[in-house]
PDB file of N, CA and C in Angstrom:
ATOM      1  N   UNK A   1      34.398  66.504  13.284  1.00  0.00           N
ATOM      2  CA  UNK A   1      35.820  66.987  13.678  1.00  0.00           C
ATOM      3  C   UNK A   1      35.496  67.381  15.229  1.00  0.00           C
ATOM      4  N   UNK A   2      36.637  66.994  15.944  1.00  0.00           N
ATOM      5  CA  UNK A   2      36.474  67.428  17.464  1.00  0.00           C
ATOM      6  C   UNK A   2      36.804  68.946  17.965  1.00  0.00           C
ATOM      7  N   UNK A   3      36.713  69.234  18.872  1.00  0.00           N
ATOM      8  CA  UNK A   3      37.282  70.490  19.291  1.00  0.00           C
ATOM      9  C   UNK A   3      38.673  71.006  19.038  1.00  0.00           C
ATOM     10  N   UNK A   4      39.485  69.809  19.480  1.00  0.00           N
ATOM     11  CA  UNK A   4      40.984  70.005  19.398  1.00  0.00           C
ATOM     12  C   UNK A   4      41.164  70.015  17.772  1.00  0.00           C
ATOM     13  N   UNK A   5      40.686  69.273  16.938  1.00  0.00           N
ATOM     14  CA  UNK A   5      41.001  69.357  15.494  1.00  0.00           C
ATOM     15  C   UNK A   5      40.493  70.657  14.939  1.00  0.00           C
ATOM     16  N   UNK A   6      39.302  71.073  15.383  1.00  0.00           N
ATOM     17  CA  UNK A   6      38.970  72.502  14.963  1.00  0.00           C
ATOM     18  C   UNK A   6      39.904  73.580  15.307  1.00  0.00           C
ATOM     19  N   UNK A   7      40.309  73.754  16.544  1.00  0.00           N
ATOM     20  CA  UNK A   7      41.269  74.663  16.940  1.00  0.00           C
ATOM     21  C   UNK A   7      42.521  74.606  16.329  1.00  0.00           C
ATOM     22  N   UNK A   8      43.165  73.283  15.960  1.00  0.00           N
ATOM     23  CA  UNK A   8      44.347  73.124  15.535  1.00  0.00           C
ATOM     24  C   UNK A   8      44.279  73.662  13.945  1.00  0.00           C
ATOM     25  N   UNK A   9      43.049  73.404  13.395  1.00  0.00           N
ATOM     26  CA  UNK A   9      42.798  73.905  11.963  1.00  0.00           C
ATOM     27  C   UNK A   9      42.795  75.249  11.834  1.00  0.00           C
ATOM     28  N   UNK A  10      42.213  76.146  12.925  1.00  0.00           N
ATOM     29  CA  UNK A  10      42.220  77.653  12.816  1.00  0.00           C
ATOM     30  C   UNK A  10      43.710  77.924  13.104  1.00  0.00           C
ATOM     31  N   UNK A  11      44.493  77.527  13.968  1.00  0.00           N
ATOM     32  CA  UNK A  11      45.975  77.788  14.094  1.00  0.00           C
ATOM     33  C   UNK A  11      46.623  77.551  12.947  1.00  0.00           C
ATOM     34  N   UNK A  12      46.441  76.512  12.312  1.00  0.00           N
ATOM     35  CA  UNK A  12      47.196  76.088  11.106  1.00  0.00           C
ATOM     36  C   UNK A  12      46.919  77.109   9.899  1.00  0.00           C
ATOM     37  N   UNK A  13      45.701  77.485   9.868  1.00  0.00           N
ATOM     38  CA  UNK A  13      45.244  78.475   8.577  1.00  0.00           C
ATOM     39  C   UNK A  13      45.918  79.846   9.154  1.00  0.00           C
ATOM     40  N   UNK A  14      46.132  80.149  10.377  1.00  0.00           N
ATOM     41  CA  UNK A  14      46.791  81.379  10.769  1.00  0.00           C
ATOM     42  C   UNK A  14      48.234  81.582  10.492  1.00  0.00           C
ATOM     43  N   UNK A  15      48.868  80.459  10.783  1.00  0.00           N
ATOM     44  CA  UNK A  15      50.311  80.305  10.905  1.00  0.00           C
ATOM     45  C   UNK A  15      51.057  79.769   9.886  1.00  0.00           C
ATOM     46  N   UNK A  16      50.548  79.193   8.873  1.00  0.00           N
ATOM     47  CA  UNK A  16      51.413  78.556   7.881  1.00  0.00           C
ATOM     48  C   UNK A  16      51.139  79.113   6.430  1.00  0.00           C
ATOM     49  N   UNK A  17      50.852  80.339   6.313  1.00  0.00           N
ATOM     50  CA  UNK A  17      50.948  80.994   5.187  1.00  0.00           C
ATOM     51  C   UNK A  17      49.553  80.895   4.442  1.00  0.00           C
ATOM     52  N   UNK A  18      48.502  80.641   5.255  1.00  0.00           N
ATOM     53  CA  UNK A  18      47.185  80.771   4.895  1.00  0.00           C
ATOM     54  C   UNK A  18      46.805  81.896   4.084  1.00  0.00           C
ATOM     55  N   UNK A  19      47.393  82.993   4.793  1.00  0.00           N
ATOM     56  CA  UNK A  19      47.125  84.428   4.323  1.00  0.00           C
ATOM     57  C   UNK A  19      48.559  84.726   3.662  1.00  0.00           C
ATOM     58  N   UNK A  20      48.283  85.242   2.501  1.00  0.00           N
ATOM     59  CA  UNK A  20      49.369  85.683   1.696  1.00  0.00           C
ATOM     60  C   UNK A  20      49.307  87.191   1.130  1.00  0.00           C
ATOM     61  N   UNK A  21      50.304  87.861   1.150  1.00  0.00           N
ATOM     62  CA  UNK A  21      50.182  89.336   0.618  1.00  0.00           C
ATOM     63  C   UNK A  21      50.958  89.495  -0.570  1.00  0.00           C
ATOM     64  N   UNK A  22      50.343  90.241  -1.472  1.00  0.00           N
ATOM     65  CA  UNK A  22      51.311  90.501  -2.828  1.00  0.00           C
ATOM     66  C   UNK A  22      52.218  91.546  -2.438  1.00  0.00           C
ATOM     67  N   UNK A  23      51.527  92.507  -1.752  1.00  0.00           N
ATOM     68  CA  UNK A  23      52.415  93.836  -1.480  1.00  0.00           C
ATOM     69  C   UNK A  23      53.098  93.772   0.030  1.00  0.00           C
ATOM     70  N   UNK A  24      52.601  92.983   0.725  1.00  0.00           N
ATOM     71  CA  UNK A  24      53.139  93.011   2.243  1.00  0.00           C
ATOM     72  C   UNK A  24      52.180  93.799   3.003  1.00  0.00           C
ATOM     73  N   UNK A  25      51.023  94.511   2.619  1.00  0.00           N
ATOM     74  CA  UNK A  25      50.278  95.118   3.343  1.00  0.00           C
ATOM     75  C   UNK A  25      48.918  94.136   3.723  1.00  0.00           C
ATOM     76  N   UNK A  26      48.175  94.413   4.877  1.00  0.00           N
ATOM     77  CA  UNK A  26      46.948  93.751   5.135  1.00  0.00           C
ATOM     78  C   UNK A  26      46.112  93.991   4.136  1.00  0.00           C
ATOM     79  N   UNK A  27      45.688  95.240   3.438  1.00  0.00           N
ATOM     80  CA  UNK A  27      44.785  95.349   2.495  1.00  0.00           C
ATOM     81  C   UNK A  27      45.054  94.569   1.154  1.00  0.00           C
ATOM     82  N   UNK A  28      46.460  93.994   1.031  1.00  0.00           N
ATOM     83  CA  UNK A  28      46.533  93.466  -0.252  1.00  0.00           C
ATOM     84  C   UNK A  28      46.487  91.965  -0.137  1.00  0.00           C
ATOM     85  N   UNK A  29      46.077  91.198   1.037  1.00  0.00           N
ATOM     86  CA  UNK A  29      46.109  89.959   1.203  1.00  0.00           C
ATOM     87  C   UNK A  29      45.073  88.955   0.417  1.00  0.00           C
ATOM     88  N   UNK A  30      45.612  87.932  -0.119  1.00  0.00           N
ATOM     89  CA  UNK A  30      44.874  87.203  -1.117  1.00  0.00           C
ATOM     90  C   UNK A  30      44.610  85.786  -0.305  1.00  0.00           C
ATOM     91  N   UNK A  31      43.641  85.156  -0.705  1.00  0.00           N
ATOM     92  CA  UNK A  31      43.199  83.916  -0.153  1.00  0.00           C
ATOM     93  C   UNK A  31      44.149  82.752  -0.606  1.00  0.00           C
ATOM     94  N   UNK A  32      44.470  81.965   0.288  1.00  0.00           N
ATOM     95  CA  UNK A  32      45.351  80.877  -0.057  1.00  0.00           C
ATOM     96  C   UNK A  32      44.771  79.663  -0.910  1.00  0.00           C
ATOM     97  N   UNK A  33      43.358  79.523  -0.939  1.00  0.00           N
ATOM     98  CA  UNK A  33      42.516  78.493  -1.724  1.00  0.00           C
ATOM     99  C   UNK A  33      42.539  78.823  -3.239  1.00  0.00           C
ATOM    100  N   UNK A  34      42.026  80.290  -3.481  1.00  0.00           N
ATOM    101  CA  UNK A  34      41.732  80.614  -4.752  1.00  0.00           C
ATOM    102  C   UNK A  34      42.454  81.918  -5.281  1.00  0.00           C
ATOM    103  N   UNK A  35      43.329  82.618  -4.290  1.00  0.00           N
ATOM    104  CA  UNK A  35      44.138  83.746  -4.461  1.00  0.00           C
ATOM    105  C   UNK A  35      42.921  84.994  -4.846  1.00  0.00           C
ATOM    106  N   UNK A  36      41.675  84.863  -4.434  1.00  0.00           N
ATOM    107  CA  UNK A  36      41.114  86.045  -4.293  1.00  0.00           C
ATOM    108  C   UNK A  36      41.290  87.053  -3.169  1.00  0.00           C
ATOM    109  N   UNK A  37      40.697  88.276  -3.433  1.00  0.00           N
ATOM    110  CA  UNK A  37      40.793  88.985  -2.534  1.00  0.00           C
ATOM    111  C   UNK A  37      40.163  89.194  -1.226  1.00  0.00           C
ATOM    112  N   UNK A  38      40.742  89.234   0.033  1.00  0.00           N
ATOM    113  CA  UNK A  38      40.361  89.176   1.294  1.00  0.00           C
ATOM    114  C   UNK A  38      39.934  90.482   1.646  1.00  0.00           C
ATOM    115  N   UNK A  39      38.696  90.438   2.439  1.00  0.00           N
ATOM    116  CA  UNK A  39      38.259  91.766   3.125  1.00  0.00           C
ATOM    117  C   UNK A  39      37.889  91.361   4.481  1.00  0.00           C
ATOM    118  N   UNK A  40      38.071  92.448   5.391  1.00  0.00           N
ATOM    119  CA  UNK A  40      37.785  92.388   6.646  1.00  0.00           C
ATOM    120  C   UNK A  40      36.412  92.482   6.936  1.00  0.00           C
ATOM    121  N   UNK A  41      35.869  91.508   7.691  1.00  0.00           N
ATOM    122  CA  UNK A  41      34.320  91.431   7.990  1.00  0.00           C
ATOM    123  C   UNK A  41      34.282  90.956   9.448  1.00  0.00           C
ATOM    124  N   UNK A  42      33.014  91.027  10.086  1.00  0.00           N
ATOM    125  CA  UNK A  42      32.677  90.469  11.349  1.00  0.00           C
ATOM    126  C   UNK A  42      32.003  89.199  10.829  1.00  0.00           C
ATOM    127  N   UNK A  43      32.296  88.073  11.345  1.00  0.00           N
ATOM    128  CA  UNK A  43      31.417  86.855  11.201  1.00  0.00           C
ATOM    129  C   UNK A  43      31.166  86.201  12.464  1.00  0.00           C
ATOM    130  N   UNK A  44      30.430  85.026  12.282  1.00  0.00           N
ATOM    131  CA  UNK A  44      30.128  84.140  13.426  1.00  0.00           C
ATOM    132  C   UNK A  44      30.722  82.945  13.400  1.00  0.00           C
ATOM    133  N   UNK A  45      31.235  82.634  14.695  1.00  0.00           N
ATOM    134  CA  UNK A  45      32.038  81.579  14.627  1.00  0.00           C
ATOM    135  C   UNK A  45      31.345  80.418  15.572  1.00  0.00           C
ATOM    136  N   UNK A  46      31.226  79.068  15.023  1.00  0.00           N
ATOM    137  CA  UNK A  46      30.272  78.286  15.759  1.00  0.00           C
ATOM    138  C   UNK A  46      31.100  76.858  15.839  1.00  0.00           C
ATOM    139  N   UNK A  47      30.966  76.346  17.097  1.00  0.00           N
ATOM    140  CA  UNK A  47      31.669  75.001  17.242  1.00  0.00           C
ATOM    141  C   UNK A  47      30.923  74.245  18.131  1.00  0.00           C
ATOM    142  N   UNK A  48      30.791  72.922  17.850  1.00  0.00           N
ATOM    143  CA  UNK A  48      29.886  71.956  18.451  1.00  0.00           C
ATOM    144  C   UNK A  48      30.990  70.813  19.282  1.00  0.00           C
ATOM    145  N   UNK A  49      31.072  71.146  20.599  1.00  0.00           N
ATOM    146  CA  UNK A  49      31.903  70.152  21.407  1.00  0.00           C
ATOM    147  C   UNK A  49      31.012  69.354  22.261  1.00  0.00           C
ATOM    148  N   UNK A  50      29.883  69.046  21.811  1.00  0.00           N
ATOM    149  CA  UNK A  50      28.959  68.262  22.356  1.00  0.00           C
ATOM    150  C   UNK A  50      27.855  69.148  22.798  1.00  0.00           C
ATOM    151  N   UNK A  51      28.299  70.308  23.009  1.00  0.00           N
ATOM    152  CA  UNK A  51      27.309  71.478  23.119  1.00  0.00           C
ATOM    153  C   UNK A  51      27.792  72.511  22.182  1.00  0.00           C
ATOM    154  N   UNK A  52      26.782  73.352  21.930  1.00  0.00           N
ATOM    155  CA  UNK A  52      27.255  74.367  20.838  1.00  0.00           C
ATOM    156  C   UNK A  52      27.735  75.832  21.490  1.00  0.00           C
ATOM    157  N   UNK A  53      28.512  76.182  20.862  1.00  0.00           N
ATOM    158  CA  UNK A  53      29.034  77.596  21.261  1.00  0.00           C
ATOM    159  C   UNK A  53      29.191  78.522  20.057  1.00  0.00           C
ATOM    160  N   UNK A  54      28.357  79.459  20.096  1.00  0.00           N
ATOM    161  CA  UNK A  54      28.263  80.508  18.871  1.00  0.00           C
ATOM    162  C   UNK A  54      28.832  81.870  19.397  1.00  0.00           C
ATOM    163  N   UNK A  55      29.945  82.388  18.688  1.00  0.00           N
ATOM    164  CA  UNK A  55      30.648  83.692  19.111  1.00  0.00           C
ATOM    165  C   UNK A  55      30.230  84.558  17.918  1.00  0.00           C
ATOM    166  N   UNK A  56      29.538  85.564  18.246  1.00  0.00           N
ATOM    167  CA  UNK A  56      29.227  86.558  17.200  1.00  0.00           C
ATOM    168  C   UNK A  56      30.306  87.765  17.032  1.00  0.00           C
ATOM    169  N   UNK A  57      30.285  88.545  15.647  1.00  0.00           N
ATOM    170  CA  UNK A  57      30.849  89.594  15.500  1.00  0.00           C
ATOM    171  C   UNK A  57      32.561  89.360  15.739  1.00  0.00           C
ATOM    172  N   UNK A  58      33.070  88.374  15.131  1.00  0.00           N
ATOM    173  CA  UNK A  58      34.435  87.787  15.142  1.00  0.00           C
ATOM    174  C   UNK A  58      35.080  88.567  14.031  1.00  0.00           C
ATOM    175  N   UNK A  59      36.318  89.236  14.331  1.00  0.00           N
ATOM    176  CA  UNK A  59      36.944  89.778  13.142  1.00  0.00           C
ATOM    177  C   UNK A  59      37.778  89.025  12.307  1.00  0.00           C
ATOM    178  N   UNK A  60      37.292  88.889  11.133  1.00  0.00           N
ATOM    179  CA  UNK A  60      37.748  88.028  10.397  1.00  0.00           C
ATOM    180  C   UNK A  60      38.305  88.521   8.691  1.00  0.00           C
ATOM    181  N   UNK A  61      38.806  87.708   8.026  1.00  0.00           N
ATOM    182  CA  UNK A  61      39.319  87.957   6.776  1.00  0.00           C
ATOM    183  C   UNK A  61      38.475  86.868   5.828  1.00  0.00           C
ATOM    184  N   UNK A  62      37.582  87.437   4.923  1.00  0.00           N
ATOM    185  CA  UNK A  62      36.776  86.589   4.048  1.00  0.00           C
ATOM    186  C   UNK A  62      36.992  86.880   2.711  1.00  0.00           C
ATOM    187  N   UNK A  63      37.279  85.790   2.043  1.00  0.00           N
ATOM    188  CA  UNK A  63      37.613  85.714   0.482  1.00  0.00           C
ATOM    189  C   UNK A  63      36.375  86.223  -0.283  1.00  0.00           C
ATOM    190  N   UNK A  64      36.478  87.189  -1.007  1.00  0.00           N
ATOM    191  CA  UNK A  64      35.272  87.706  -2.022  1.00  0.00           C
ATOM    192  C   UNK A  64      34.899  86.859  -3.061  1.00  0.00           C
ATOM    193  N   UNK A  65      35.889  86.016  -3.513  1.00  0.00           N
ATOM    194  CA  UNK A  65      35.575  84.984  -4.297  1.00  0.00           C
ATOM    195  C   UNK A  65      35.115  83.596  -3.936  1.00  0.00           C
ATOM    196  N   UNK A  66      35.592  83.014  -2.979  1.00  0.00           N
ATOM    197  CA  UNK A  66      35.094  81.516  -2.573  1.00  0.00           C
ATOM    198  C   UNK A  66      34.740  81.679  -1.280  1.00  0.00           C
ATOM    199  N   UNK A  67      34.784  82.605  -0.474  1.00  0.00           N
ATOM    200  CA  UNK A  67      33.801  82.903   0.783  1.00  0.00           C
ATOM    201  C   UNK A  67      34.648  82.181   2.078  1.00  0.00           C
ATOM    202  N   UNK A  68      35.945  81.905   1.876  1.00  0.00           N
ATOM    203  CA  UNK A  68      36.550  81.139   2.681  1.00  0.00           C
ATOM    204  C   UNK A  68      37.027  82.182   4.003  1.00  0.00           C
ATOM    205  N   UNK A  69      36.877  81.738   5.245  1.00  0.00           N
ATOM    206  CA  UNK A  69      37.096  82.999   6.339  1.00  0.00           C
ATOM    207  C   UNK A  69      38.455  82.256   6.991  1.00  0.00           C
ATOM    208  N   UNK A  70      39.162  83.141   7.267  1.00  0.00           N
ATOM    209  CA  UNK A  70      40.341  82.867   7.972  1.00  0.00           C
ATOM    210  C   UNK A  70      40.504  84.054   9.088  1.00  0.00           C
ATOM    211  N   UNK A  71      41.182  83.723  10.071  1.00  0.00           N
ATOM    212  CA  UNK A  71      41.465  84.427  11.273  1.00  0.00           C
ATOM    213  C   UNK A  71      42.980  84.829  11.498  1.00  0.00           C
ATOM    214  N   UNK A  72      43.210  86.124  12.241  1.00  0.00           N
ATOM    215  CA  UNK A  72      44.578  86.436  12.436  1.00  0.00           C
ATOM    216  C   UNK A  72      45.016  85.550  13.790  1.00  0.00           C
ATOM    217  N   UNK A  73      46.284  85.336  14.004  1.00  0.00           N
ATOM    218  CA  UNK A  73      46.642  84.549  15.127  1.00  0.00           C
ATOM    219  C   UNK A  73      45.935  84.974  16.371  1.00  0.00           C
ATOM    220  N   UNK A  74      45.961  86.463  16.691  1.00  0.00           N
ATOM    221  CA  UNK A  74      45.388  86.918  17.733  1.00  0.00           C
ATOM    222  C   UNK A  74      43.865  86.459  17.952  1.00  0.00           C
ATOM    223  N   UNK A  75      43.145  86.630  16.902  1.00  0.00           N
ATOM    224  CA  UNK A  75      41.748  86.214  17.088  1.00  0.00           C
ATOM    225  C   UNK A  75      41.585  84.756  17.221  1.00  0.00           C
ATOM    226  N   UNK A  76      42.533  83.839  16.506  1.00  0.00           N
ATOM    227  CA  UNK A  76      42.390  82.277  16.688  1.00  0.00           C
ATOM    228  C   UNK A  76      42.684  82.004  18.159  1.00  0.00           C
ATOM    229  N   UNK A  77      43.806  82.936  18.741  1.00  0.00           N
ATOM    230  CA  UNK A  77      43.977  82.429  20.107  1.00  0.00           C
ATOM    231  C   UNK A  77      43.035  82.855  21.122  1.00  0.00           C
ATOM    232  N   UNK A  78      42.196  83.988  20.874  1.00  0.00           N
ATOM    233  CA  UNK A  78      41.334  84.421  21.561  1.00  0.00           C
ATOM    234  C   UNK A  78      40.003  83.402  21.335  1.00  0.00           C
ATOM    235  N   UNK A  79      39.762  83.025  20.260  1.00  0.00           N
ATOM    236  CA  UNK A  79      38.544  81.928  20.106  1.00  0.00           C
ATOM    237  C   UNK A  79      38.836  80.639  20.812  1.00  0.00           C
ATOM    238  N   UNK A  80      40.284  80.366  20.770  1.00  0.00           N
ATOM    239  CA  UNK A  80      40.505  79.218  21.480  1.00  0.00           C
ATOM    240  C   UNK A  80      40.385  79.241  23.002  1.00  0.00           C
ATOM    241  N   UNK A  81      40.743  80.472  23.546  1.00  0.00           N
ATOM    242  CA  UNK A  81      40.422  80.934  24.987  1.00  0.00           C
ATOM    243  C   UNK A  81      39.023  80.739  25.340  1.00  0.00           C
ATOM    244  N   UNK A  82      38.167  81.201  24.679  1.00  0.00           N
ATOM    245  CA  UNK A  82      36.747  81.387  24.895  1.00  0.00           C
ATOM    246  C   UNK A  82      36.288  79.937  24.872  1.00  0.00           C
ATOM    247  N   UNK A  83      36.634  79.286  23.938  1.00  0.00           N
ATOM    248  CA  UNK A  83      36.044  78.026  23.706  1.00  0.00           C
ATOM    249  C   UNK A  83      36.404  76.965  25.000  1.00  0.00           C
ATOM    250  N   UNK A  84      37.950  77.133  25.172  1.00  0.00           N
ATOM    251  CA  UNK A  84      38.310  76.338  26.356  1.00  0.00           C
ATOM    252  C   UNK A  84      37.828  76.810  27.714  1.00  0.00           C
ATOM    253  N   UNK A  85      37.331  77.994  27.825  1.00  0.00           N
ATOM    254  CA  UNK A  85      36.662  78.508  29.205  1.00  0.00           C
ATOM    255  C   UNK A  85      35.528  78.119  29.267  1.00  0.00           C
ATOM    256  N   UNK A  86      34.539  78.070  28.220  1.00  0.00           N
ATOM    257  CA  UNK A  86      33.045  77.787  28.360  1.00  0.00           C
ATOM    258  C   UNK A  86      32.825  76.109  27.977  1.00  0.00           C
ATOM    259  N   UNK A  87      33.786  75.361  27.583  1.00  0.00           N
ATOM    260  CA  UNK A  87      33.504  74.146  27.313  1.00  0.00           C
ATOM    261  C   UNK A  87      33.322  73.345  28.743  1.00  0.00           C
ATOM    262  N   UNK A  88      33.915  73.844  29.897  1.00  0.00           N
ATOM    263  CA  UNK A  88      33.875  73.239  31.184  1.00  0.00           C
ATOM    264  C   UNK A  88      32.441  73.696  31.782  1.00  0.00           C
ATOM    265  N   UNK A  89      31.891  74.706  31.464  1.00  0.00           N
ATOM    266  CA  UNK A  89      30.703  75.231  32.173  1.00  0.00           C
ATOM    267  C   UNK A  89      29.387  75.094  31.377  1.00  0.00           C
ATOM    268  N   UNK A  90      29.413  74.714  30.202  1.00  0.00           N
ATOM    269  CA  UNK A  90      28.333  74.554  29.111  1.00  0.00           C
ATOM    270  C   UNK A  90      27.342  73.372  29.478  1.00  0.00           C
ATOM    271  N   UNK A  91      25.969  73.722  29.362  1.00  0.00           N
ATOM    272  CA  UNK A  91      25.027  72.571  29.349  1.00  0.00           C
ATOM    273  C   UNK A  91      24.271  72.470  28.067  1.00  0.00           C
ATOM    274  N   UNK A  92      24.158  73.494  27.397  1.00  0.00           N
ATOM    275  CA  UNK A  92      23.335  73.345  26.172  1.00  0.00           C
ATOM    276  C   UNK A  92      23.855  74.377  25.001  1.00  0.00           C
ATOM    277  N   UNK A  93      23.569  75.485  24.720  1.00  0.00           N
ATOM    278  CA  UNK A  93      23.878  76.354  23.909  1.00  0.00           C
ATOM    279  C   UNK A  93      24.342  77.791  24.424  1.00  0.00           C
ATOM    280  N   UNK A  94      25.535  78.201  23.998  1.00  0.00           N
ATOM    281  CA  UNK A  94      26.032  79.547  24.465  1.00  0.00           C
ATOM    282  C   UNK A  94      26.246  80.415  23.354  1.00  0.00           C
ATOM    283  N   UNK A  95      25.673  81.527  23.452  1.00  0.00           N
ATOM    284  CA  UNK A  95      25.837  82.679  22.498  1.00  0.00           C
ATOM    285  C   UNK A  95      26.725  83.817  22.816  1.00  0.00           C
ATOM    286  N   UNK A  96      27.800  84.211  22.357  1.00  0.00           N
ATOM    287  CA  UNK A  96      28.594  85.452  22.850  1.00  0.00           C
ATOM    288  C   UNK A  96      28.758  86.291  22.009  1.00  0.00           C
ATOM    289  N   UNK A  97      28.846  87.632  22.317  1.00  0.00           N
ATOM    290  CA  UNK A  97      28.942  88.634  21.071  1.00  0.00           C
ATOM    291  C   UNK A  97      30.214  89.511  21.584  1.00  0.00           C
TER     292      UNK A  97
END
């Protein structure tokens, strides 16, 4: 999967009902795949665009049941901006915190 496909996937997961809420609050959100409970966690986001970019401590929603990771629209946009800005300057591996 190339960078554009990975970023499109992130955006789609954030904007097409990937996160669903039983009661309308953030704490009651369920996983789109298995309907498990989502919890707020910091995760590591990795992308391979010919060079590797690793972004640590990304605010995420992680399913307690299946482990699927989802990002809010704001986080997905920020990830996209970081990757886009670094793709022009990287030569090997970059790790951001």
